[in-house]
Amino acid sequence: MANFIDSVIAKAKSQPKTIVLPEGNDERVLEAAKTITEEKIAKIILLGKEEEIKAKFAEKRWSIDGIKIINPETSAKLNEYAELFYELRKEKGVSMEDAQKMARNANYFATLMIKSGDADGMVSGAAHSTADTVRPALQIVKSSRKDMNVSSFFFMNKGEKTFIFADCAITPNPTDQELANIAIQAAQTAVQFGITPDIAMLSYSSYGSGKGEAVEKVQRAVKIAKEMAASDEFKHLGIKLDGELQADAALVDKVAALKAPGSEVAGHAKVLIFPDLNAGNIAYKLVQRLGEYEAYGPILQGLRAPINDLSRGCSASDIVCTVALTAVQAM
């Protein structure tokens, strides 16, 4: 059986999307662009100075065929994108002069390309902070629904086991409503990537075994999320959701039988929703480092179009994987 990322790459190849990579001056990005184009995973647009990028490819004896290069500074669409940004942000005090300046920024230019329909998704972060990638996404592409927050998730994969962990990178201390939103977004993500949307809302308590406001918040979130899952909008997803559950009750059948008897999720949850960013971030790193799982992410969910962040320590292979994930999201 193909592993998780192989199946994602195969799906991306089936319907190639146009993904823009703003960091055309980074050698890892160029190597990834070469691989993605050769393997027909996606159509790539690199942002940067054409002569410099071509020189790098020539130096490495790589083919640049099929890769489009755009320099934001000299692009024929710069004024069009600046006007678009001005219209989107003028009520926030952005002047036309500000808009012209921002449109020249590679991450803003790339995000404006997506807003204009000139690209399907973006991957950045090899040489930028998460904030540099996420800020233009929130300002320009925005959330897919006004009543839902943007969140993040990681795919945690080892052999044939794949889990979704959310939220591990964006929302520090979600409210009960935000926690419910994250659960529903993660269910949509699961279905999109062929993972069963069996969701456990995690806590240090199972079915009231522990007390405190943190437990009560998760209990409220479970109630809200179950109502959302049963609504006309989301019932087609076939979501099974339960909580509050401790991690062992969510994952181990024998423990589930003791702590959450009768639960249709406990013991075999595939999507784990953490009560706050501390828990989520710590958990994914422990599972990655001690459990030797591959961690793919953070991947953003809840945006109108896929824009994803890289670790600044990423490899070219990591970029290829993230582009494939982004391309599937764009479907």
C-alpha atoms as a PDB file:
ATOM      1  CA  MET A   1       0.000   0.000   0.000  1.00  0.00           C
ATOM      2  CA  ALA A   2       1.294   3.445  -0.939  1.00  0.00           C
ATOM      3  CA  ASN A   3       2.175   5.583   2.028  1.00  0.00           C
ATOM      4  CA  PHE A   4       0.193   8.702   2.823  1.00  0.00           C
ATOM      5  CA  ILE A   5       2.329  11.280   1.018  1.00  0.00           C
ATOM      6  CA  ASP A   6       2.617   9.059  -2.098  1.00  0.00           C
ATOM      7  CA  SER A   7      -1.172   8.933  -2.279  1.00  0.00           C
ATOM      8  CA  VAL A   8      -1.365  12.740  -1.908  1.00  0.00           C
ATOM      9  CA  ILE A   9       1.175  13.226  -4.711  1.00  0.00           C
ATOM     10  CA  ALA A  10      -0.756  10.811  -6.950  1.00  0.00           C
ATOM     11  CA  LYS A  11      -3.971  12.762  -6.298  1.00  0.00           C
ATOM     12  CA  ALA A  12      -2.229  16.080  -7.034  1.00  0.00           C
ATOM     13  CA  LYS A  13      -0.953  14.687 -10.356  1.00  0.00           C
ATOM     14  CA  SER A  14      -4.489  13.698 -11.367  1.00  0.00           C
ATOM     15  CA  GLN A  15      -5.590  17.340 -11.596  1.00  0.00           C
ATOM     16  CA  PRO A  16      -2.504  19.617 -11.661  1.00  0.00           C
ATOM     17  CA  LYS A  17      -3.066  22.981  -9.984  1.00  0.00           C
ATOM     18  CA  THR A  18      -1.067  26.201 -10.324  1.00  0.00           C
ATOM     19  CA  ILE A  19       0.957  26.876  -7.169  1.00  0.00           C
ATOM     20  CA  VAL A  20       2.996  30.040  -6.665  1.00  0.00           C
ATOM     21  CA  LEU A  21       6.272  29.955  -4.725  1.00  0.00           C
ATOM     22  CA  PRO A  22       7.260  33.510  -3.704  1.00  0.00           C
ATOM     23  CA  GLU A  23      10.779  32.611  -2.532  1.00  0.00           C
ATOM     24  CA  GLY A  24      12.475  32.256  -5.909  1.00  0.00           C
ATOM     25  CA  ASN A  25      15.816  33.281  -4.430  1.00  0.00           C
ATOM     26  CA  ASP A  26      15.998  30.186  -2.168  1.00  0.00           C
ATOM     27  CA  GLU A  27      17.868  27.202  -3.613  1.00  0.00           C
ATOM     28  CA  ARG A  28      15.627  24.678  -1.791  1.00  0.00           C
ATOM     29  CA  VAL A  29      12.592  26.256  -3.444  1.00  0.00           C
ATOM     30  CA  LEU A  30      14.238  26.068  -6.863  1.00  0.00           C
ATOM     31  CA  GLU A  31      15.133  22.404  -6.389  1.00  0.00           C
ATOM     32  CA  ALA A  32      11.560  21.669  -5.279  1.00  0.00           C
ATOM     33  CA  ALA A  33      10.179  23.564  -8.300  1.00  0.00           C
ATOM     34  CA  LYS A  34      12.343  21.421 -10.597  1.00  0.00           C
ATOM     35  CA  THR A  35      11.133  18.163  -8.985  1.00  0.00           C
ATOM     36  CA  ILE A  36       7.459  19.213  -8.926  1.00  0.00           C
ATOM     37  CA  THR A  37       7.588  20.212 -12.599  1.00  0.00           C
ATOM     38  CA  GLU A  38       9.475  17.092 -13.723  1.00  0.00           C
ATOM     39  CA  GLU A  39       7.031  14.835 -11.880  1.00  0.00           C
ATOM     40  CA  LYS A  40       4.002  16.878 -13.031  1.00  0.00           C
ATOM     41  CA  ILE A  41       2.713  17.307  -9.467  1.00  0.00           C
ATOM     42  CA  ALA A  42       1.645  20.922 -10.072  1.00  0.00           C
ATOM     43  CA  LYS A  43       2.235  23.877 -12.365  1.00  0.00           C
ATOM     44  CA  ILE A  44       4.777  26.148 -10.697  1.00  0.00           C
ATOM     45  CA  ILE A  45       5.161  29.923 -10.743  1.00  0.00           C
ATOM     46  CA  LEU A  46       8.351  31.251  -9.150  1.00  0.00           C
ATOM     47  CA  LEU A  47       8.570  34.866  -8.006  1.00  0.00           C
ATOM     48  CA  GLY A  48      11.916  36.642  -8.354  1.00  0.00           C
ATOM     49  CA  LYS A  49      14.336  38.068 -10.880  1.00  0.00           C
ATOM     50  CA  GLU A  50      14.190  36.004 -14.051  1.00  0.00           C
ATOM     51  CA  GLU A  51      17.867  36.318 -14.934  1.00  0.00           C
ATOM     52  CA  GLU A  52      18.965  35.249 -11.431  1.00  0.00           C
ATOM     53  CA  ILE A  53      16.645  32.241 -11.315  1.00  0.00           C
ATOM     54  CA  LYS A  54      17.633  31.131 -14.820  1.00  0.00           C
ATOM     55  CA  ALA A  55      21.303  31.484 -13.905  1.00  0.00           C
ATOM     56  CA  LYS A  56      20.804  29.242 -10.840  1.00  0.00           C
ATOM     57  CA  PHE A  57      19.090  26.592 -12.959  1.00  0.00           C
ATOM     58  CA  ALA A  58      21.851  26.781 -15.594  1.00  0.00           C
ATOM     59  CA  GLU A  59      24.529  26.493 -12.905  1.00  0.00           C
ATOM     60  CA  LYS A  60      22.907  23.297 -11.581  1.00  0.00           C
ATOM     61  CA  ARG A  61      22.212  22.032 -15.114  1.00  0.00           C
ATOM     62  CA  TRP A  62      18.523  21.769 -14.302  1.00  0.00           C
ATOM     63  CA  SER A  63      15.821  22.207 -16.915  1.00  0.00           C
ATOM     64  CA  ILE A  64      13.596  25.220 -16.381  1.00  0.00           C
ATOM     65  CA  ASP A  65      11.046  24.122 -18.990  1.00  0.00           C
ATOM     66  CA  GLY A  66       7.461  24.407 -17.753  1.00  0.00           C
ATOM     67  CA  ILE A  67       8.289  26.778 -14.874  1.00  0.00           C
ATOM     68  CA  LYS A  68       6.886  30.304 -15.097  1.00  0.00           C
ATOM     69  CA  ILE A  69       8.920  33.151 -13.552  1.00  0.00           C
ATOM     70  CA  ILE A  70       7.406  36.495 -12.563  1.00  0.00           C
ATOM     71  CA  ASN A  71       9.226  39.472 -11.081  1.00  0.00           C
ATOM     72  CA  PRO A  72       6.686  41.442  -8.997  1.00  0.00           C
ATOM     73  CA  GLU A  73       8.677  44.652  -9.536  1.00  0.00           C
ATOM     74  CA  THR A  74       8.284  44.520 -13.331  1.00  0.00           C
ATOM     75  CA  SER A  75       5.038  42.559 -13.694  1.00  0.00           C
ATOM     76  CA  ALA A  76       2.425  43.969 -16.058  1.00  0.00           C
ATOM     77  CA  LYS A  77      -0.162  43.134 -13.385  1.00  0.00           C
ATOM     78  CA  LEU A  78       1.503  45.071 -10.556  1.00  0.00           C
ATOM     79  CA  ASN A  79      -0.849  48.076 -10.815  1.00  0.00           C
ATOM     80  CA  GLU A  80      -3.910  45.830 -11.112  1.00  0.00           C
ATOM     81  CA  TYR A  81      -2.901  43.940  -7.970  1.00  0.00           C
ATOM     82  CA  ALA A  82      -2.106  47.175  -6.111  1.00  0.00           C
ATOM     83  CA  GLU A  83      -5.573  48.528  -6.947  1.00  0.00           C
ATOM     84  CA  LEU A  84      -7.143  45.277  -5.754  1.00  0.00           C
ATOM     85  CA  PHE A  85      -5.253  45.479  -2.464  1.00  0.00           C
ATOM     86  CA  TYR A  86      -6.242  49.126  -2.049  1.00  0.00           C
ATOM     87  CA  GLU A  87      -9.945  48.286  -2.541  1.00  0.00           C
ATOM     88  CA  LEU A  88      -9.701  45.433  -0.030  1.00  0.00           C
ATOM     89  CA  ARG A  89      -7.879  47.443   2.643  1.00  0.00           C
ATOM     90  CA  LYS A  90      -8.766  51.134   2.163  1.00  0.00           C
ATOM     91  CA  GLU A  91     -11.264  50.986   5.020  1.00  0.00           C
ATOM     92  CA  LYS A  92      -8.361  49.881   7.233  1.00  0.00           C
ATOM     93  CA  GLY A  93      -6.468  53.070   6.363  1.00  0.00           C
ATOM     94  CA  VAL A  94      -4.329  51.720   3.503  1.00  0.00           C
ATOM     95  CA  SER A  95      -3.462  54.388   0.927  1.00  0.00           C
ATOM     96  CA  MET A  96      -2.835  53.782  -2.777  1.00  0.00           C
ATOM     97  CA  GLU A  97       0.848  54.450  -2.120  1.00  0.00           C
ATOM     98  CA  ASP A  98       0.841  51.794   0.624  1.00  0.00           C
ATOM     99  CA  ALA A  99      -0.915  49.367  -1.726  1.00  0.00           C
ATOM    100  CA  GLN A 100       1.720  49.877  -4.434  1.00  0.00           C
ATOM    101  CA  LYS A 101       4.460  49.140  -1.904  1.00  0.00           C
ATOM    102  CA  MET A 102       2.738  46.046  -0.492  1.00  0.00           C
ATOM    103  CA  ALA A 103       1.984  44.608  -3.938  1.00  0.00           C
ATOM    104  CA  ARG A 104       5.727  44.536  -4.638  1.00  0.00           C
ATOM    105  CA  ASN A 105       6.260  42.270  -1.618  1.00  0.00           C
ATOM    106  CA  ALA A 106       6.548  38.694  -2.904  1.00  0.00           C
ATOM    107  CA  ASN A 107       4.145  37.143  -0.354  1.00  0.00           C
ATOM    108  CA  TYR A 108       1.536  39.861  -0.936  1.00  0.00           C
ATOM    109  CA  PHE A 109       1.982  39.651  -4.719  1.00  0.00           C
ATOM    110  CA  ALA A 110       1.516  35.860  -4.613  1.00  0.00           C
ATOM    111  CA  THR A 111      -1.601  36.155  -2.446  1.00  0.00           C
ATOM    112  CA  LEU A 112      -3.033  38.790  -4.794  1.00  0.00           C
ATOM    113  CA  MET A 113      -2.410  36.385  -7.686  1.00  0.00           C
ATOM    114  CA  ILE A 114      -4.626  33.844  -5.908  1.00  0.00           C
ATOM    115  CA  LYS A 115      -7.309  36.435  -5.166  1.00  0.00           C
ATOM    116  CA  SER A 116      -7.278  37.393  -8.870  1.00  0.00           C
ATOM    117  CA  GLY A 117      -7.559  33.771 -10.024  1.00  0.00           C
ATOM    118  CA  ASP A 118      -4.052  33.697 -11.518  1.00  0.00           C
ATOM    119  CA  ALA A 119      -2.903  30.905  -9.168  1.00  0.00           C
ATOM    120  CA  ASP A 120      -4.695  28.208  -7.173  1.00  0.00           C
ATOM    121  CA  GLY A 121      -2.486  28.176  -4.066  1.00  0.00           C
ATOM    122  CA  MET A 122       0.734  29.377  -2.460  1.00  0.00           C
ATOM    123  CA  VAL A 123       3.507  27.854  -0.378  1.00  0.00           C
ATOM    124  CA  SER A 124       5.956  30.125   1.458  1.00  0.00           C
ATOM    125  CA  GLY A 125       7.991  30.229   4.653  1.00  0.00           C
ATOM    126  CA  ALA A 126      11.372  28.727   3.709  1.00  0.00           C
ATOM    127  CA  ALA A 127      12.846  32.186   4.284  1.00  0.00           C
ATOM    128  CA  HIS A 128       9.929  33.977   5.971  1.00  0.00           C
ATOM    129  CA  SER A 129       8.189  33.777   9.332  1.00  0.00           C
ATOM    130  CA  THR A 130       4.746  32.215   9.722  1.00  0.00           C
ATOM    131  CA  ALA A 131       3.339  35.722  10.268  1.00  0.00           C
ATOM    132  CA  ASP A 132       4.801  36.874   6.920  1.00  0.00           C
ATOM    133  CA  THR A 133       2.907  34.064   5.178  1.00  0.00           C
ATOM    134  CA  VAL A 134      -0.340  34.129   7.152  1.00  0.00           C
ATOM    135  CA  ARG A 135      -0.876  37.896   7.417  1.00  0.00           C
ATOM    136  CA  PRO A 136      -1.449  38.519   3.665  1.00  0.00           C
ATOM    137  CA  ALA A 137      -3.658  35.415   3.532  1.00  0.00           C
ATOM    138  CA  LEU A 138      -5.925  36.791   6.266  1.00  0.00           C
ATOM    139  CA  GLN A 139      -5.962  40.284   4.739  1.00  0.00           C
ATOM    140  CA  ILE A 140      -6.544  39.293   1.112  1.00  0.00           C
ATOM    141  CA  VAL A 141      -7.934  35.748   0.705  1.00  0.00           C
ATOM    142  CA  LYS A 142      -9.680  35.763   4.107  1.00  0.00           C
ATOM    143  CA  SER A 143     -11.603  33.001   5.840  1.00  0.00           C
ATOM    144  CA  SER A 144     -14.099  30.940   3.862  1.00  0.00           C
ATOM    145  CA  ARG A 145     -16.850  31.906   6.332  1.00  0.00           C
ATOM    146  CA  LYS A 146     -17.218  35.034   8.423  1.00  0.00           C
ATOM    147  CA  ASP A 147     -18.349  33.000  11.417  1.00  0.00           C
ATOM    148  CA  MET A 148     -15.339  30.638  11.332  1.00  0.00           C
ATOM    149  CA  ASN A 149     -11.770  31.236  12.415  1.00  0.00           C
ATOM    150  CA  VAL A 150      -8.810  30.103  10.306  1.00  0.00           C
ATOM    151  CA  SER A 151      -6.932  27.257  11.997  1.00  0.00           C
ATOM    152  CA  SER A 152      -4.156  24.778  11.257  1.00  0.00           C
ATOM    153  CA  PHE A 153      -3.486  21.072  11.348  1.00  0.00           C
ATOM    154  CA  PHE A 154      -0.692  18.542  10.951  1.00  0.00           C
ATOM    155  CA  PHE A 155      -0.849  15.216   9.181  1.00  0.00           C
ATOM    156  CA  MET A 156       0.975  12.750  11.422  1.00  0.00           C
ATOM    157  CA  ASN A 157       1.986   9.687   9.414  1.00  0.00           C
ATOM    158  CA  LYS A 158       3.857   6.479  10.172  1.00  0.00           C
ATOM    159  CA  GLY A 159       3.517   3.591   7.725  1.00  0.00           C
ATOM    160  CA  GLU A 160      -0.190   3.033   7.142  1.00  0.00           C
ATOM    161  CA  LYS A 161      -1.239   5.107  10.187  1.00  0.00           C
ATOM    162  CA  THR A 162      -2.288   8.698   9.508  1.00  0.00           C
ATOM    163  CA  PHE A 163      -3.838  11.116  11.996  1.00  0.00           C
ATOM    164  CA  ILE A 164      -4.897  14.756  11.857  1.00  0.00           C
ATOM    165  CA  PHE A 165      -3.835  16.945  14.814  1.00  0.00           C
ATOM    166  CA  ALA A 166      -5.505  20.367  15.176  1.00  0.00           C
ATOM    167  CA  ASP A 167      -4.929  23.163  16.033  1.00  0.00           C
ATOM    168  CA  CYS A 168      -1.159  23.082  16.534  1.00  0.00           C
ATOM    169  CA  ALA A 169      -0.002  26.443  15.170  1.00  0.00           C
ATOM    170  CA  ILE A 170      -2.582  29.246  14.935  1.00  0.00           C
ATOM    171  CA  THR A 171      -5.102  29.648  17.785  1.00  0.00           C
ATOM    172  CA  PRO A 172      -3.437  29.982  21.229  1.00  0.00           C
ATOM    173  CA  ASN A 173      -6.485  29.585  23.465  1.00  0.00           C
ATOM    174  CA  PRO A 174      -9.621  28.859  21.430  1.00  0.00           C
ATOM    175  CA  THR A 175     -13.077  29.546  22.820  1.00  0.00           C
ATOM    176  CA  ASP A 176     -15.638  26.742  22.891  1.00  0.00           C
ATOM    177  CA  GLN A 177     -17.066  27.990  19.572  1.00  0.00           C
ATOM    178  CA  GLU A 178     -13.613  28.249  17.997  1.00  0.00           C
ATOM    179  CA  LEU A 179     -12.787  24.733  19.209  1.00  0.00           C
ATOM    180  CA  ALA A 180     -15.978  23.442  17.592  1.00  0.00           C
ATOM    181  CA  ASN A 181     -15.104  25.285  14.370  1.00  0.00           C
ATOM    182  CA  ILE A 182     -11.635  23.695  14.364  1.00  0.00           C
ATOM    183  CA  ALA A 183     -13.225  20.248  14.735  1.00  0.00           C
ATOM    184  CA  ILE A 184     -15.579  20.781  11.789  1.00  0.00           C
ATOM    185  CA  GLN A 185     -12.789  22.214   9.616  1.00  0.00           C
ATOM    186  CA  ALA A 186     -10.617  19.207  10.497  1.00  0.00           C
ATOM    187  CA  ALA A 187     -13.487  16.890   9.502  1.00  0.00           C
ATOM    188  CA  GLN A 188     -13.691  18.589   6.108  1.00  0.00           C
ATOM    189  CA  THR A 189      -9.922  18.199   5.740  1.00  0.00           C
ATOM    190  CA  ALA A 190     -10.123  14.518   6.686  1.00  0.00           C
ATOM    191  CA  VAL A 191     -12.784  13.779   4.070  1.00  0.00           C
ATOM    192  CA  GLN A 192     -10.822  15.703   1.424  1.00  0.00           C
ATOM    193  CA  PHE A 193      -7.765  13.522   2.041  1.00  0.00           C
ATOM    194  CA  GLY A 194      -9.580  10.199   2.396  1.00  0.00           C
ATOM    195  CA  ILE A 195      -9.322   9.942   6.198  1.00  0.00           C
ATOM    196  CA  THR A 196     -12.329   8.772   8.225  1.00  0.00           C
ATOM    197  CA  PRO A 197     -13.722  11.810  10.126  1.00  0.00           C
ATOM    198  CA  ASP A 198     -13.790  10.111  13.542  1.00  0.00           C
ATOM    199  CA  ILE A 199     -13.057  13.024  15.857  1.00  0.00           C
ATOM    200  CA  ALA A 200     -11.974  13.077  19.491  1.00  0.00           C
ATOM    201  CA  MET A 201     -12.123  16.363  21.408  1.00  0.00           C
ATOM    202  CA  LEU A 202      -9.244  15.924  23.842  1.00  0.00           C
ATOM    203  CA  SER A 203      -8.903  16.895  27.499  1.00  0.00           C
ATOM    204  CA  TYR A 204      -7.323  15.686  30.741  1.00  0.00           C
ATOM    205  CA  SER A 205     -10.783  14.310  31.493  1.00  0.00           C
ATOM    206  CA  SER A 206     -12.945  11.570  29.968  1.00  0.00           C
ATOM    207  CA  TYR A 207     -16.725  11.959  30.327  1.00  0.00           C
ATOM    208  CA  GLY A 208     -16.438  14.145  33.428  1.00  0.00           C
ATOM    209  CA  SER A 209     -13.681  12.216  35.240  1.00  0.00           C
ATOM    210  CA  GLY A 210     -11.838  15.512  35.745  1.00  0.00           C
ATOM    211  CA  LYS A 211     -13.153  18.900  36.790  1.00  0.00           C
ATOM    212  CA  GLY A 212     -12.375  22.534  36.000  1.00  0.00           C
ATOM    213  CA  GLU A 213     -13.045  25.303  33.498  1.00  0.00           C
ATOM    214  CA  ALA A 214     -10.697  23.756  30.900  1.00  0.00           C
ATOM    215  CA  VAL A 215     -12.796  20.566  30.951  1.00  0.00           C
ATOM    216  CA  GLU A 216     -16.062  22.493  30.824  1.00  0.00           C
ATOM    217  CA  LYS A 217     -14.853  24.437  27.769  1.00  0.00           C
ATOM    218  CA  VAL A 218     -14.241  21.196  25.869  1.00  0.00           C
ATOM    219  CA  GLN A 219     -17.628  19.831  26.983  1.00  0.00           C
ATOM    220  CA  ARG A 220     -19.328  22.951  25.605  1.00  0.00           C
ATOM    221  CA  ALA A 221     -17.313  22.683  22.388  1.00  0.00           C
ATOM    222  CA  VAL A 222     -18.387  19.048  21.957  1.00  0.00           C
ATOM    223  CA  LYS A 223     -22.047  20.028  22.238  1.00  0.00           C
ATOM    224  CA  ILE A 224     -21.640  22.853  19.686  1.00  0.00           C
ATOM    225  CA  ALA A 225     -19.624  20.681  17.280  1.00  0.00           C
ATOM    226  CA  LYS A 226     -22.175  17.846  17.435  1.00  0.00           C
ATOM    227  CA  GLU A 227     -24.964  20.294  16.549  1.00  0.00           C
ATOM    228  CA  MET A 228     -22.886  21.616  13.638  1.00  0.00           C
ATOM    229  CA  ALA A 229     -22.044  18.074  12.436  1.00  0.00           C
ATOM    230  CA  ALA A 230     -25.762  17.181  12.377  1.00  0.00           C
ATOM    231  CA  SER A 231     -26.761  20.336  10.462  1.00  0.00           C
ATOM    232  CA  ASP A 232     -27.793  20.272   6.799  1.00  0.00           C
ATOM    233  CA  GLU A 233     -24.518  21.987   5.893  1.00  0.00           C
ATOM    234  CA  PHE A 234     -22.217  19.339   7.337  1.00  0.00           C
ATOM    235  CA  LYS A 235     -24.177  16.094   7.809  1.00  0.00           C
ATOM    236  CA  HIS A 236     -23.034  14.801   4.381  1.00  0.00           C
ATOM    237  CA  LEU A 237     -19.494  14.520   5.803  1.00  0.00           C
ATOM    238  CA  GLY A 238     -20.513  11.590   8.024  1.00  0.00           C
ATOM    239  CA  ILE A 239     -18.760  13.035  11.065  1.00  0.00           C
ATOM    240  CA  LYS A 240     -18.508  10.942  14.229  1.00  0.00           C
ATOM    241  CA  LEU A 241     -17.449  13.156  17.116  1.00  0.00           C
ATOM    242  CA  ASP A 242     -17.086  12.580  20.835  1.00  0.00           C
ATOM    243  CA  GLY A 243     -15.556  14.036  23.958  1.00  0.00           C
ATOM    244  CA  GLU A 244     -14.314  15.130  26.212  1.00  0.00           C
ATOM    245  CA  LEU A 245     -11.776  12.286  25.966  1.00  0.00           C
ATOM    246  CA  GLN A 246      -8.294  11.679  27.300  1.00  0.00           C
ATOM    247  CA  ALA A 247      -5.765  10.775  24.616  1.00  0.00           C
ATOM    248  CA  ASP A 248      -5.521   7.115  25.676  1.00  0.00           C
ATOM    249  CA  ALA A 249      -9.304   6.760  25.615  1.00  0.00           C
ATOM    250  CA  ALA A 250      -9.366   8.285  22.148  1.00  0.00           C
ATOM    251  CA  LEU A 251      -6.739   5.907  20.746  1.00  0.00           C
ATOM    252  CA  VAL A 252      -6.715   2.584  22.660  1.00  0.00           C
ATOM    253  CA  ASP A 253      -9.681   0.204  22.515  1.00  0.00           C
ATOM    254  CA  LYS A 254      -9.128  -1.355  25.946  1.00  0.00           C
ATOM    255  CA  VAL A 255      -8.865   2.049  27.624  1.00  0.00           C
ATOM    256  CA  ALA A 256     -11.887   3.306  25.670  1.00  0.00           C
ATOM    257  CA  ALA A 257     -13.971   0.392  26.970  1.00  0.00           C
ATOM    258  CA  LEU A 258     -13.182   1.473  30.536  1.00  0.00           C
ATOM    259  CA  LYS A 259     -13.309   5.260  30.231  1.00  0.00           C
ATOM    260  CA  ALA A 260     -15.862   5.838  27.465  1.00  0.00           C
ATOM    261  CA  PRO A 261     -18.029   2.729  27.048  1.00  0.00           C
ATOM    262  CA  GLY A 262     -20.476   3.003  24.183  1.00  0.00           C
ATOM    263  CA  SER A 263     -18.560   5.774  22.387  1.00  0.00           C
ATOM    264  CA  GLU A 264     -18.542   5.387  18.591  1.00  0.00           C
ATOM    265  CA  VAL A 265     -15.217   7.265  18.386  1.00  0.00           C
ATOM    266  CA  ALA A 266     -13.179   6.290  21.450  1.00  0.00           C
ATOM    267  CA  GLY A 267     -10.410   3.785  20.753  1.00  0.00           C
ATOM    268  CA  HIS A 268     -10.110   4.539  17.045  1.00  0.00           C
ATOM    269  CA  ALA A 269     -10.168   8.337  16.574  1.00  0.00           C
ATOM    270  CA  LYS A 270      -8.354   9.566  13.464  1.00  0.00           C
ATOM    271  CA  VAL A 271      -8.743  13.307  14.106  1.00  0.00           C
ATOM    272  CA  LEU A 272      -7.519  14.701  17.425  1.00  0.00           C
ATOM    273  CA  ILE A 273      -8.653  18.185  18.479  1.00  0.00           C
ATOM    274  CA  PHE A 274      -6.501  19.731  21.200  1.00  0.00           C
ATOM    275  CA  PRO A 275      -7.937  22.125  23.805  1.00  0.00           C
ATOM    276  CA  ASP A 276      -5.284  24.784  23.216  1.00  0.00           C
ATOM    277  CA  LEU A 277      -2.069  25.541  21.316  1.00  0.00           C
ATOM    278  CA  ASN A 278       0.169  24.429  24.188  1.00  0.00           C
ATOM    279  CA  ALA A 279      -1.307  20.927  24.092  1.00  0.00           C
ATOM    280  CA  GLY A 280      -1.405  20.650  20.305  1.00  0.00           C
ATOM    281  CA  ASN A 281       2.085  21.930  19.638  1.00  0.00           C
ATOM    282  CA  ILE A 282       3.685  19.830  22.381  1.00  0.00           C
ATOM    283  CA  ALA A 283       1.783  16.709  21.302  1.00  0.00           C
ATOM    284  CA  TYR A 284       2.752  16.818  17.627  1.00  0.00           C
ATOM    285  CA  LYS A 285       6.428  17.391  18.464  1.00  0.00           C
ATOM    286  CA  LEU A 286       6.459  14.495  20.953  1.00  0.00           C
ATOM    287  CA  VAL A 287       4.782  12.149  18.473  1.00  0.00           C
ATOM    288  CA  GLN A 288       7.191  13.300  15.752  1.00  0.00           C
ATOM    289  CA  ARG A 289      10.390  13.007  17.815  1.00  0.00           C
ATOM    290  CA  LEU A 290       9.646  10.093  20.151  1.00  0.00           C
ATOM    291  CA  GLY A 291       7.068   8.221  18.087  1.00  0.00           C
ATOM    292  CA  GLU A 292       9.041   8.752  14.852  1.00  0.00           C
ATOM    293  CA  TYR A 293       6.004   9.919  12.914  1.00  0.00           C
ATOM    294  CA  GLU A 294       6.372  12.183   9.884  1.00  0.00           C
ATOM    295  CA  ALA A 295       4.756  15.557  10.580  1.00  0.00           C
ATOM    296  CA  TYR A 296       3.369  17.402   7.542  1.00  0.00           C
ATOM    297  CA  GLY A 297       2.343  20.955   8.353  1.00  0.00           C
ATOM    298  CA  PRO A 298       1.250  23.283   9.669  1.00  0.00           C
ATOM    299  CA  ILE A 299      -1.345  23.300   6.924  1.00  0.00           C
ATOM    300  CA  LEU A 300      -3.933  26.082   7.112  1.00  0.00           C
ATOM    301  CA  GLN A 301      -7.655  25.341   6.956  1.00  0.00           C
ATOM    302  CA  GLY A 302     -10.641  27.638   6.741  1.00  0.00           C
ATOM    303  CA  LEU A 303      -9.260  29.991   4.075  1.00  0.00           C
ATOM    304  CA  ARG A 304     -11.032  30.669   0.779  1.00  0.00           C
ATOM    305  CA  ALA A 305      -7.963  29.306  -1.055  1.00  0.00           C
ATOM    306  CA  PRO A 306      -4.992  27.236   0.161  1.00  0.00           C
ATOM    307  CA  ILE A 307      -1.974  29.141   1.437  1.00  0.00           C
ATOM    308  CA  ASN A 308       0.538  27.166   3.445  1.00  0.00           C
ATOM    309  CA  ASP A 309       3.570  27.811   5.588  1.00  0.00           C
ATOM    310  CA  LEU A 310       6.947  26.048   5.622  1.00  0.00           C
ATOM    311  CA  SER A 311       9.432  25.645   8.424  1.00  0.00           C
ATOM    312  CA  ARG A 312      12.525  27.748   7.824  1.00  0.00           C
ATOM    313  CA  GLY A 313      14.520  24.556   8.360  1.00  0.00           C
ATOM    314  CA  CYS A 314      12.637  22.745   5.581  1.00  0.00           C
ATOM    315  CA  SER A 315      14.251  20.625   2.870  1.00  0.00           C
ATOM    316  CA  ALA A 316      13.429  20.646  -0.839  1.00  0.00           C
ATOM    317  CA  SER A 317      11.571  17.366  -0.240  1.00  0.00           C
ATOM    318  CA  ASP A 318       9.430  19.051   2.465  1.00  0.00           C
ATOM    319  CA  ILE A 319       8.503  21.765  -0.038  1.00  0.00           C
ATOM    320  CA  VAL A 320       7.492  19.170  -2.644  1.00  0.00           C
ATOM    321  CA  CYS A 321       5.218  17.479  -0.080  1.00  0.00           C
ATOM    322  CA  THR A 322       3.641  20.776   1.014  1.00  0.00           C
ATOM    323  CA  VAL A 323       2.993  21.809  -2.585  1.00  0.00           C
ATOM    324  CA  ALA A 324       1.275  18.454  -3.211  1.00  0.00           C
ATOM    325  CA  LEU A 325      -0.897  18.897  -0.106  1.00  0.00           C
ATOM    326  CA  THR A 326      -1.738  22.469  -1.190  1.00  0.00           C
ATOM    327  CA  ALA A 327      -2.651  21.292  -4.695  1.00  0.00           C
ATOM    328  CA  VAL A 328      -5.072  18.703  -3.287  1.00  0.00           C
ATOM    329  CA  GLN A 329      -6.629  21.385  -1.038  1.00  0.00           C
ATOM    330  CA  ALA A 330      -7.105  23.529  -4.164  1.00  0.00           C
ATOM    331  CA  MET A 331      -9.301  20.815  -5.689  1.00  0.00           C
END
